[in-house]
N, C-alpha and C. Protein backbone atom coordinates (compact mmCIF):
# COMPACT_ATOMS: atom_id res chain seq x y z
N UNK A 1 180.69 34.46 35.89
CA UNK A 1 181.94 33.77 35.91
C UNK A 1 182.31 33.63 37.40
N UNK A 2 182.80 32.55 37.81
CA UNK A 2 183.28 32.37 39.20
C UNK A 2 184.81 32.60 39.28
N UNK A 3 185.30 33.05 40.37
CA UNK A 3 186.74 33.20 40.55
C UNK A 3 187.43 31.83 40.39
N UNK A 4 186.84 30.81 40.96
CA UNK A 4 187.25 29.47 40.77
C UNK A 4 186.49 28.55 41.60
N UNK A 5 186.16 27.35 41.21
CA UNK A 5 185.38 26.51 42.20
C UNK A 5 186.24 26.07 43.36
N UNK A 6 185.54 25.88 44.53
CA UNK A 6 186.28 25.46 45.66
C UNK A 6 186.70 23.99 45.30
N UNK A 7 187.98 23.62 45.61
CA UNK A 7 188.42 22.26 45.27
C UNK A 7 187.62 21.15 46.02
N UNK A 8 187.04 20.38 45.30
CA UNK A 8 186.21 19.25 45.86
C UNK A 8 184.80 19.83 46.36
N UNK A 9 184.51 21.13 46.13
CA UNK A 9 183.28 21.63 46.56
C UNK A 9 183.35 22.08 48.03
N UNK A 10 182.50 23.05 48.28
CA UNK A 10 182.45 23.61 49.71
C UNK A 10 182.37 22.66 50.80
N UNK A 11 181.51 21.53 50.50
CA UNK A 11 181.26 20.58 51.65
C UNK A 11 182.59 19.67 51.90
N UNK A 12 183.39 19.44 50.82
CA UNK A 12 184.60 18.73 51.00
C UNK A 12 185.60 19.44 51.90
N UNK A 13 185.65 20.78 51.82
CA UNK A 13 186.46 21.45 52.72
C UNK A 13 186.21 21.34 54.25
N UNK A 14 184.94 21.17 54.52
CA UNK A 14 184.53 21.15 55.93
C UNK A 14 184.37 19.74 56.42
N UNK A 15 184.82 18.73 55.61
CA UNK A 15 184.45 17.31 55.92
C UNK A 15 185.53 16.69 56.85
N UNK A 16 186.72 17.33 56.99
CA UNK A 16 187.79 16.82 57.72
C UNK A 16 187.61 17.04 59.24
N UNK A 17 188.74 16.79 59.98
CA UNK A 17 188.69 16.88 61.46
C UNK A 17 189.74 18.00 61.76
N UNK A 18 189.71 18.50 63.03
CA UNK A 18 190.55 19.44 63.49
C UNK A 18 189.80 20.83 63.65
N UNK A 19 190.70 21.71 64.04
CA UNK A 19 190.18 23.04 64.30
C UNK A 19 189.81 23.76 63.12
N UNK A 20 190.50 23.67 62.00
CA UNK A 20 190.19 24.26 60.79
C UNK A 20 188.77 23.87 60.22
N UNK A 21 188.63 22.55 60.19
CA UNK A 21 187.48 22.01 59.69
C UNK A 21 186.29 22.28 60.58
N UNK A 22 186.43 22.32 61.93
CA UNK A 22 185.45 22.80 62.81
C UNK A 22 184.98 24.20 62.64
N UNK A 23 186.00 24.91 62.40
CA UNK A 23 185.80 26.43 62.16
C UNK A 23 184.94 26.41 60.77
N UNK A 24 185.42 25.78 59.75
CA UNK A 24 184.74 25.81 58.49
C UNK A 24 183.34 25.32 58.62
N UNK A 25 183.06 24.42 59.36
CA UNK A 25 181.66 23.87 59.52
C UNK A 25 180.83 24.95 60.30
N UNK A 26 181.41 25.55 61.28
CA UNK A 26 180.76 26.46 62.09
C UNK A 26 180.39 27.71 61.22
N UNK A 27 181.39 28.16 60.44
CA UNK A 27 181.13 29.23 59.43
C UNK A 27 180.10 28.99 58.45
N UNK A 28 180.13 27.73 57.96
CA UNK A 28 179.17 27.27 56.88
C UNK A 28 177.79 27.39 57.54
N UNK A 29 177.65 26.93 58.86
CA UNK A 29 176.34 26.90 59.45
C UNK A 29 175.88 28.30 59.57
N UNK A 30 176.92 29.24 60.15
CA UNK A 30 176.40 30.64 60.30
C UNK A 30 176.04 31.33 58.95
N UNK A 31 176.79 31.04 57.92
CA UNK A 31 176.43 31.58 56.61
C UNK A 31 175.13 31.16 56.15
N UNK A 32 174.70 29.87 56.44
CA UNK A 32 173.44 29.37 56.09
C UNK A 32 172.32 30.15 56.73
N UNK A 33 172.54 30.35 58.09
CA UNK A 33 171.47 31.12 58.82
C UNK A 33 171.48 32.55 58.28
N UNK A 34 172.54 33.14 58.07
CA UNK A 34 172.61 34.55 57.49
C UNK A 34 171.98 34.57 56.05
N UNK A 35 172.19 33.49 55.25
CA UNK A 35 171.50 33.42 54.00
C UNK A 35 169.89 33.55 54.10
N UNK A 36 169.36 32.78 55.10
CA UNK A 36 167.99 32.83 55.24
C UNK A 36 167.52 34.14 55.72
N UNK A 37 168.22 34.77 56.69
CA UNK A 37 167.80 36.10 57.21
C UNK A 37 168.03 37.09 56.12
N UNK A 38 169.04 37.00 55.26
CA UNK A 38 169.22 37.99 54.15
C UNK A 38 168.16 37.83 53.11
N UNK A 39 167.61 36.56 52.83
CA UNK A 39 166.51 36.43 51.98
C UNK A 39 165.23 37.10 52.43
N UNK A 40 165.02 36.97 53.75
CA UNK A 40 163.94 37.66 54.40
C UNK A 40 164.03 39.17 54.31
N UNK A 41 165.25 39.70 54.50
CA UNK A 41 165.49 41.19 54.46
C UNK A 41 165.22 41.62 52.89
N UNK A 42 165.67 40.84 51.98
CA UNK A 42 165.32 41.31 50.64
C UNK A 42 163.72 41.32 50.33
N UNK A 43 163.13 40.30 50.84
CA UNK A 43 161.61 40.24 50.69
C UNK A 43 161.04 41.52 51.43
N UNK A 44 161.49 41.67 52.62
CA UNK A 44 161.08 42.93 53.41
C UNK A 44 161.30 44.23 52.76
N UNK A 45 162.58 44.32 52.03
CA UNK A 45 162.89 45.44 51.34
C UNK A 45 161.93 45.69 50.06
N UNK A 46 161.64 44.68 49.44
CA UNK A 46 160.63 44.70 48.36
C UNK A 46 159.35 45.14 48.83
N UNK A 47 158.85 44.58 49.88
CA UNK A 47 157.56 45.01 50.40
C UNK A 47 157.47 46.41 50.88
N UNK A 48 158.57 46.91 51.52
CA UNK A 48 158.64 48.23 52.01
C UNK A 48 158.74 49.17 50.73
N UNK A 49 159.44 48.94 49.79
CA UNK A 49 159.52 49.79 48.60
C UNK A 49 158.13 49.73 47.93
N UNK A 50 157.57 48.63 47.79
CA UNK A 50 156.21 48.50 47.06
C UNK A 50 155.19 49.31 47.81
N UNK A 51 155.19 49.19 49.11
CA UNK A 51 154.33 49.96 49.94
C UNK A 51 154.51 51.48 49.71
N UNK A 52 155.79 51.87 49.65
CA UNK A 52 156.10 53.25 49.49
C UNK A 52 155.54 53.78 48.10
N UNK A 53 155.69 52.99 47.18
CA UNK A 53 155.19 53.45 45.77
C UNK A 53 153.69 53.53 45.79
N UNK A 54 153.02 52.48 46.34
CA UNK A 54 151.63 52.51 46.31
C UNK A 54 151.03 53.62 47.16
N UNK A 55 151.59 53.89 48.40
CA UNK A 55 151.08 54.86 49.22
C UNK A 55 151.33 56.29 48.72
N UNK A 56 152.47 56.48 48.04
CA UNK A 56 152.63 57.82 47.32
C UNK A 56 151.84 57.92 46.18
N UNK A 57 151.70 56.93 45.43
CA UNK A 57 150.92 56.92 44.10
C UNK A 57 149.36 57.11 44.30
N UNK A 58 148.89 56.30 45.18
CA UNK A 58 147.40 56.19 45.44
C UNK A 58 146.87 57.20 46.38
N UNK A 59 147.70 57.43 47.50
CA UNK A 59 147.17 58.18 48.58
C UNK A 59 147.81 59.46 48.77
N UNK A 60 148.97 59.75 47.97
CA UNK A 60 149.71 60.90 48.05
C UNK A 60 150.26 61.08 49.40
N UNK A 61 150.61 59.97 50.12
CA UNK A 61 151.10 59.94 51.51
C UNK A 61 152.62 60.21 51.46
N UNK A 62 153.07 60.99 52.39
CA UNK A 62 154.47 61.21 52.54
C UNK A 62 155.16 59.95 53.14
N UNK A 63 156.23 59.54 52.45
CA UNK A 63 156.98 58.47 52.83
C UNK A 63 158.46 58.87 53.19
N UNK A 64 158.78 58.83 54.42
CA UNK A 64 160.08 59.36 54.86
C UNK A 64 160.99 58.30 55.35
N UNK A 65 160.49 57.19 55.75
CA UNK A 65 161.34 56.14 56.34
C UNK A 65 161.50 54.85 55.48
N UNK A 66 160.74 54.72 54.44
CA UNK A 66 160.78 53.47 53.64
C UNK A 66 161.97 53.34 52.91
N UNK A 67 162.51 54.41 52.27
CA UNK A 67 163.87 54.27 51.44
C UNK A 67 165.07 53.95 52.41
N UNK A 68 165.12 54.59 53.46
CA UNK A 68 166.23 54.25 54.35
C UNK A 68 166.10 52.92 54.98
N UNK A 69 164.92 52.44 55.30
CA UNK A 69 164.74 51.15 55.84
C UNK A 69 165.19 50.04 54.73
N UNK A 70 164.75 50.40 53.58
CA UNK A 70 165.03 49.44 52.51
C UNK A 70 166.56 49.35 52.25
N UNK A 71 167.15 50.49 52.17
CA UNK A 71 168.59 50.60 52.06
C UNK A 71 169.31 49.86 53.24
N UNK A 72 168.88 49.99 54.45
CA UNK A 72 169.55 49.30 55.51
C UNK A 72 169.44 47.76 55.45
N UNK A 73 168.32 47.34 55.06
CA UNK A 73 168.06 45.90 54.76
C UNK A 73 169.00 45.40 53.55
N UNK A 74 169.04 46.14 52.52
CA UNK A 74 169.90 45.86 51.38
C UNK A 74 171.33 45.80 51.79
N UNK A 75 171.77 46.85 52.53
CA UNK A 75 173.27 46.79 52.97
C UNK A 75 173.54 45.64 53.88
N UNK A 76 172.60 45.35 54.73
CA UNK A 76 172.86 44.12 55.59
C UNK A 76 172.90 42.75 54.75
N UNK A 77 171.95 42.61 53.88
CA UNK A 77 171.84 41.49 53.07
C UNK A 77 173.17 41.32 52.17
N UNK A 78 173.54 42.43 51.69
CA UNK A 78 174.75 42.39 50.69
C UNK A 78 175.99 41.92 51.45
N UNK A 79 176.23 42.81 52.53
CA UNK A 79 177.56 42.52 53.29
C UNK A 79 177.67 41.34 54.01
N UNK A 80 176.45 40.88 54.69
CA UNK A 80 176.52 39.71 55.49
C UNK A 80 176.53 38.44 54.75
N UNK A 81 176.18 38.41 53.40
CA UNK A 81 176.22 37.28 52.55
C UNK A 81 177.54 37.17 51.80
N UNK A 82 178.44 38.24 51.93
CA UNK A 82 179.66 38.18 51.15
C UNK A 82 180.54 36.89 51.58
N UNK A 83 180.54 36.47 52.82
CA UNK A 83 181.25 35.35 53.22
C UNK A 83 180.75 34.09 52.63
N UNK A 84 179.42 33.85 52.60
CA UNK A 84 178.89 32.80 52.01
C UNK A 84 179.29 32.76 50.41
N UNK A 85 179.18 33.80 49.75
CA UNK A 85 179.51 33.88 48.33
C UNK A 85 181.00 33.50 48.13
N UNK A 86 181.87 34.04 48.96
CA UNK A 86 183.26 33.72 48.95
C UNK A 86 183.56 32.23 49.21
N UNK A 87 182.82 31.71 50.17
CA UNK A 87 182.96 30.14 50.51
C UNK A 87 182.60 29.38 49.32
N UNK A 88 181.68 29.83 48.44
CA UNK A 88 181.32 29.17 47.15
C UNK A 88 182.30 29.54 46.06
N UNK A 89 183.15 30.44 46.25
CA UNK A 89 183.99 31.10 45.28
C UNK A 89 183.12 31.63 44.14
N UNK A 90 182.01 32.22 44.59
CA UNK A 90 181.10 32.70 43.61
C UNK A 90 181.30 34.26 43.14
N UNK A 91 182.35 34.86 43.71
CA UNK A 91 182.55 36.31 43.37
C UNK A 91 183.06 36.25 41.83
N UNK A 92 182.76 37.31 41.19
CA UNK A 92 183.35 37.44 39.81
C UNK A 92 184.73 37.58 39.70
N UNK A 93 185.33 36.85 38.78
CA UNK A 93 186.69 36.91 38.57
C UNK A 93 187.06 36.73 37.16
N UNK A 94 188.24 36.85 36.91
CA UNK A 94 188.74 36.73 35.46
C UNK A 94 189.23 35.26 35.31
N UNK A 95 188.69 34.52 34.34
CA UNK A 95 189.01 33.12 34.25
C UNK A 95 189.80 32.88 32.99
N UNK A 96 190.38 33.87 32.38
CA UNK A 96 191.10 33.74 31.08
C UNK A 96 192.26 32.76 31.25
N UNK A 97 192.95 32.75 32.43
CA UNK A 97 194.10 31.91 32.47
C UNK A 97 193.82 30.55 33.23
N UNK A 98 192.63 30.49 33.82
CA UNK A 98 192.32 29.35 34.69
C UNK A 98 192.51 28.07 33.84
N UNK A 99 192.04 27.87 32.71
CA UNK A 99 192.17 26.66 31.85
C UNK A 99 193.53 26.59 31.22
N UNK A 100 194.26 27.60 31.18
CA UNK A 100 195.64 27.54 30.61
C UNK A 100 196.75 27.20 31.62
N UNK A 101 196.51 27.55 32.79
CA UNK A 101 197.55 27.20 33.89
C UNK A 101 197.54 25.81 34.38
N UNK A 102 198.68 25.30 34.75
CA UNK A 102 198.57 24.01 35.43
C UNK A 102 197.88 24.10 36.80
N UNK A 103 197.36 22.97 37.35
CA UNK A 103 196.58 23.00 38.65
C UNK A 103 197.48 23.60 39.82
N UNK A 104 198.75 23.30 39.79
CA UNK A 104 199.58 23.86 40.92
C UNK A 104 199.73 25.30 40.78
N UNK A 105 199.85 25.86 39.68
CA UNK A 105 200.01 27.31 39.56
C UNK A 105 198.61 27.97 39.87
N UNK A 106 197.50 27.40 39.26
CA UNK A 106 196.19 27.80 39.62
C UNK A 106 195.99 27.94 41.16
N UNK A 107 196.35 26.88 41.94
CA UNK A 107 196.19 26.97 43.38
C UNK A 107 197.03 28.14 43.99
N UNK A 108 198.25 28.31 43.42
CA UNK A 108 199.07 29.40 43.98
C UNK A 108 198.41 30.80 43.61
N UNK A 109 197.78 30.84 42.38
CA UNK A 109 197.22 32.14 41.85
C UNK A 109 195.86 32.37 42.92
N UNK A 110 195.10 31.39 43.21
CA UNK A 110 194.05 31.51 44.14
C UNK A 110 194.47 31.90 45.51
N UNK A 111 195.64 31.38 45.98
CA UNK A 111 196.08 31.63 47.33
C UNK A 111 196.62 33.26 47.28
N UNK A 112 197.35 33.61 46.26
CA UNK A 112 197.71 35.02 46.16
C UNK A 112 196.45 35.92 46.10
N UNK A 113 195.48 35.55 45.29
CA UNK A 113 194.32 36.49 45.27
C UNK A 113 193.59 36.54 46.63
N UNK A 114 193.53 35.37 47.38
CA UNK A 114 192.93 35.31 48.68
C UNK A 114 193.71 36.23 49.68
N UNK A 115 194.95 36.14 49.64
CA UNK A 115 195.95 37.00 50.52
C UNK A 115 195.69 38.48 50.10
N UNK A 116 195.63 38.84 48.94
CA UNK A 116 195.41 40.27 48.53
C UNK A 116 193.97 40.62 49.06
N UNK A 117 192.97 39.76 48.78
CA UNK A 117 191.66 40.08 49.13
C UNK A 117 191.55 40.21 50.68
N UNK A 118 192.22 39.42 51.42
CA UNK A 118 192.19 39.50 52.95
C UNK A 118 192.79 40.78 53.37
N UNK A 119 193.95 41.26 52.67
CA UNK A 119 194.48 42.50 53.13
C UNK A 119 193.48 43.68 52.90
N UNK A 120 192.83 43.68 51.75
CA UNK A 120 191.88 44.75 51.34
C UNK A 120 190.65 44.65 52.35
N UNK A 121 190.11 43.52 52.53
CA UNK A 121 188.86 43.25 53.28
C UNK A 121 189.16 43.58 54.72
N UNK A 122 190.45 43.21 55.26
CA UNK A 122 190.78 43.45 56.62
C UNK A 122 190.80 44.91 56.98
N UNK A 123 191.45 45.82 55.99
CA UNK A 123 191.38 47.18 56.08
C UNK A 123 189.92 47.73 56.17
N UNK A 124 189.23 47.21 55.23
CA UNK A 124 187.72 47.66 55.07
C UNK A 124 186.98 47.33 56.31
N UNK A 125 187.19 46.19 56.96
CA UNK A 125 186.54 45.82 58.16
C UNK A 125 187.00 46.72 59.32
N UNK A 126 188.26 46.94 59.45
CA UNK A 126 188.81 47.85 60.45
C UNK A 126 188.18 49.20 60.45
N UNK A 127 188.14 49.76 59.17
CA UNK A 127 187.59 51.05 58.98
C UNK A 127 186.14 51.11 59.33
N UNK A 128 185.36 50.03 58.90
CA UNK A 128 183.93 49.93 59.17
C UNK A 128 183.72 49.86 60.71
N UNK A 129 184.58 49.07 61.40
CA UNK A 129 184.33 48.99 62.83
C UNK A 129 184.67 50.31 63.51
N UNK A 130 185.64 51.07 63.02
CA UNK A 130 185.96 52.46 63.61
C UNK A 130 184.71 53.40 63.31
N UNK A 131 184.18 53.43 62.11
CA UNK A 131 183.05 54.07 61.69
C UNK A 131 181.85 53.80 62.70
N UNK A 132 181.63 52.45 62.97
CA UNK A 132 180.56 52.00 63.64
C UNK A 132 180.75 52.62 65.10
N UNK A 133 181.82 52.49 65.65
CA UNK A 133 182.15 52.96 67.03
C UNK A 133 181.85 54.50 67.05
N UNK A 134 182.46 55.16 66.14
CA UNK A 134 182.32 56.62 66.09
C UNK A 134 180.86 57.14 66.00
N UNK A 135 180.07 56.40 65.13
CA UNK A 135 178.70 56.77 64.89
C UNK A 135 177.88 56.41 66.16
N UNK A 136 178.25 55.31 66.76
CA UNK A 136 177.47 54.90 68.02
C UNK A 136 177.89 55.91 69.20
N UNK A 137 179.23 56.13 69.38
CA UNK A 137 179.51 57.13 70.50
C UNK A 137 178.98 58.51 70.34
N UNK A 138 179.08 59.00 69.03
CA UNK A 138 178.68 60.34 68.70
C UNK A 138 177.17 60.47 68.54
N UNK A 139 176.44 59.38 68.52
CA UNK A 139 175.00 59.47 68.31
C UNK A 139 174.71 59.88 66.89
N UNK A 140 175.55 59.65 65.92
CA UNK A 140 175.23 59.98 64.46
C UNK A 140 174.00 59.34 63.92
N UNK A 141 173.15 60.12 63.23
CA UNK A 141 171.98 59.69 62.63
C UNK A 141 171.95 60.19 61.15
N UNK A 142 171.06 59.60 60.38
CA UNK A 142 170.84 60.02 59.07
C UNK A 142 170.23 61.53 58.96
N UNK A 143 170.28 62.02 57.82
CA UNK A 143 169.82 63.47 57.76
C UNK A 143 168.30 63.58 57.54
N UNK A 144 167.63 62.38 57.53
CA UNK A 144 166.07 62.44 57.24
C UNK A 144 165.30 62.72 58.38
N UNK A 145 164.05 62.89 58.25
CA UNK A 145 163.09 63.08 59.34
C UNK A 145 163.07 61.85 60.38
N UNK A 146 163.16 60.75 59.80
CA UNK A 146 163.16 59.51 60.59
C UNK A 146 164.39 59.43 61.47
N UNK A 147 165.55 59.71 60.86
CA UNK A 147 166.91 59.85 61.62
C UNK A 147 167.26 58.46 62.34
N UNK A 148 167.30 57.39 61.64
CA UNK A 148 167.90 56.18 62.29
C UNK A 148 169.36 56.28 62.46
N UNK A 149 169.78 55.60 63.49
CA UNK A 149 171.26 55.72 63.80
C UNK A 149 172.18 55.11 62.68
N UNK A 150 173.31 55.92 62.45
CA UNK A 150 174.16 55.37 61.24
C UNK A 150 174.94 54.17 61.76
N UNK A 151 174.96 53.93 63.01
CA UNK A 151 175.73 52.73 63.61
C UNK A 151 175.12 51.48 63.01
N UNK A 152 173.78 51.42 62.69
CA UNK A 152 173.26 50.25 62.03
C UNK A 152 173.82 49.86 60.75
N UNK A 153 173.78 50.66 59.66
CA UNK A 153 174.43 50.23 58.46
C UNK A 153 175.98 50.00 58.64
N UNK A 154 176.64 50.86 59.32
CA UNK A 154 178.08 50.69 59.57
C UNK A 154 178.41 49.38 60.32
N UNK A 155 177.50 49.12 61.26
CA UNK A 155 177.73 47.78 61.97
C UNK A 155 177.51 46.61 61.08
N UNK A 156 176.46 46.69 60.28
CA UNK A 156 176.29 45.67 59.28
C UNK A 156 177.35 45.47 58.28
N UNK A 157 177.92 46.51 57.83
CA UNK A 157 179.16 46.41 56.97
C UNK A 157 180.33 45.96 57.68
N UNK A 158 180.44 46.30 58.94
CA UNK A 158 181.64 45.81 59.68
C UNK A 158 181.42 44.23 59.93
N UNK A 159 180.36 43.93 60.27
CA UNK A 159 180.18 42.47 60.64
C UNK A 159 180.27 41.62 59.34
N UNK A 160 179.74 42.17 58.26
CA UNK A 160 179.95 41.42 56.95
C UNK A 160 181.30 41.24 56.47
N UNK A 161 182.06 42.47 56.58
CA UNK A 161 183.42 42.37 56.15
C UNK A 161 184.34 41.46 57.09
N UNK A 162 183.88 41.45 58.42
CA UNK A 162 184.70 40.61 59.34
C UNK A 162 184.45 39.17 59.07
N UNK A 163 183.20 38.71 58.73
CA UNK A 163 182.90 37.41 58.33
C UNK A 163 183.55 37.03 57.02
N UNK A 164 183.67 37.97 56.12
CA UNK A 164 184.39 37.73 54.82
C UNK A 164 185.89 37.50 55.12
N UNK A 165 186.44 38.37 56.04
CA UNK A 165 187.84 38.09 56.40
C UNK A 165 188.10 36.78 56.97
N UNK A 166 187.20 36.36 57.79
CA UNK A 166 187.29 35.09 58.41
C UNK A 166 187.24 33.94 57.40
N UNK A 167 186.32 34.13 56.43
CA UNK A 167 186.17 33.10 55.31
C UNK A 167 187.53 33.13 54.56
N UNK A 168 188.06 34.28 54.14
CA UNK A 168 189.27 34.31 53.41
C UNK A 168 190.52 33.74 54.16
N UNK A 169 190.60 34.08 55.42
CA UNK A 169 191.59 33.53 56.37
C UNK A 169 191.53 31.99 56.38
N UNK A 170 190.38 31.53 56.41
CA UNK A 170 190.12 30.04 56.48
C UNK A 170 190.59 29.42 55.19
N UNK A 171 190.22 30.05 54.01
CA UNK A 171 190.61 29.47 52.74
C UNK A 171 192.08 29.55 52.59
N UNK A 172 192.81 30.51 53.20
CA UNK A 172 194.23 30.57 52.96
C UNK A 172 194.92 29.48 53.93
N UNK A 173 194.38 29.34 55.12
CA UNK A 173 194.94 28.27 55.97
C UNK A 173 194.68 26.88 55.26
N UNK A 174 193.56 26.64 54.61
CA UNK A 174 193.18 25.43 54.07
C UNK A 174 194.11 25.26 52.89
N UNK A 175 194.32 26.29 52.06
CA UNK A 175 195.24 26.20 50.91
C UNK A 175 196.53 25.89 51.31
N UNK A 176 197.11 26.58 52.32
CA UNK A 176 198.46 26.27 52.80
C UNK A 176 198.62 24.80 53.28
N UNK A 177 197.55 24.33 53.97
CA UNK A 177 197.54 22.91 54.44
C UNK A 177 197.61 21.89 53.33
N UNK A 178 196.88 22.21 52.26
CA UNK A 178 196.75 21.42 51.06
C UNK A 178 198.01 21.44 50.32
N UNK A 179 198.80 22.55 50.35
CA UNK A 179 200.06 22.60 49.62
C UNK A 179 201.10 21.77 50.32
N UNK A 180 200.96 21.60 51.59
CA UNK A 180 202.02 20.88 52.36
C UNK A 180 201.81 19.41 52.18
N UNK A 181 200.61 19.04 51.85
CA UNK A 181 200.54 17.52 51.68
C UNK A 181 201.07 17.03 50.40
N UNK A 182 201.46 15.77 50.39
CA UNK A 182 202.18 15.19 49.33
C UNK A 182 201.14 14.95 48.05
C-alpha cells in the first residue's frame, strides 16, 4: 500500500518552472542515478554472499570480509534510495481514510505527515552526520578482522537521510504552493 500517489504523478511535479521545479528535476535525476548504483550494489551484495557460501561450503575457506561488505552495500542501497521511494510516495502507509476523506482534507493529511516525517528524518540525518564525523575523527572501525571504517555505513545513512529530508521539504513546499493556488 502506498502512502498516497503524488498528485498528477512524479513527473507532473517537476514539469513547472522556477526554483522548486528545477530542484525537483535535479533531485529526480540524482535519484535516478542513485537507483542504478543501488541496483548494482544489490547485485554485488548477492554475488558477495553467494561467493561466501560457496567458498565456505566447498573449500572450507574463512570468510571474514564478505558479510560486512554485503551489509555496507545493503545499507547504502536502502538509505540512498529512500528519497526516490518518497518521491513516488511508495512508502507503506495506512490508507483506511484516504477514500473516505475529501481531497482537500487528504492534501492536508499528506502535508501534516510530510512535516512530521521531515522532523523525524531531520533528527535522524543530524545524528547520522554526527556519528559519521565522530567515527571518521576517532578512526572507528568494525570489530572484525577486516576492520572497515564505520564512517562508511554512517556516511551512507547520513547522505540517504539528507536526501530524504530534501525530498520531504520539496514536497512540503510544493504542497503549500498548491494550496495557495485557486
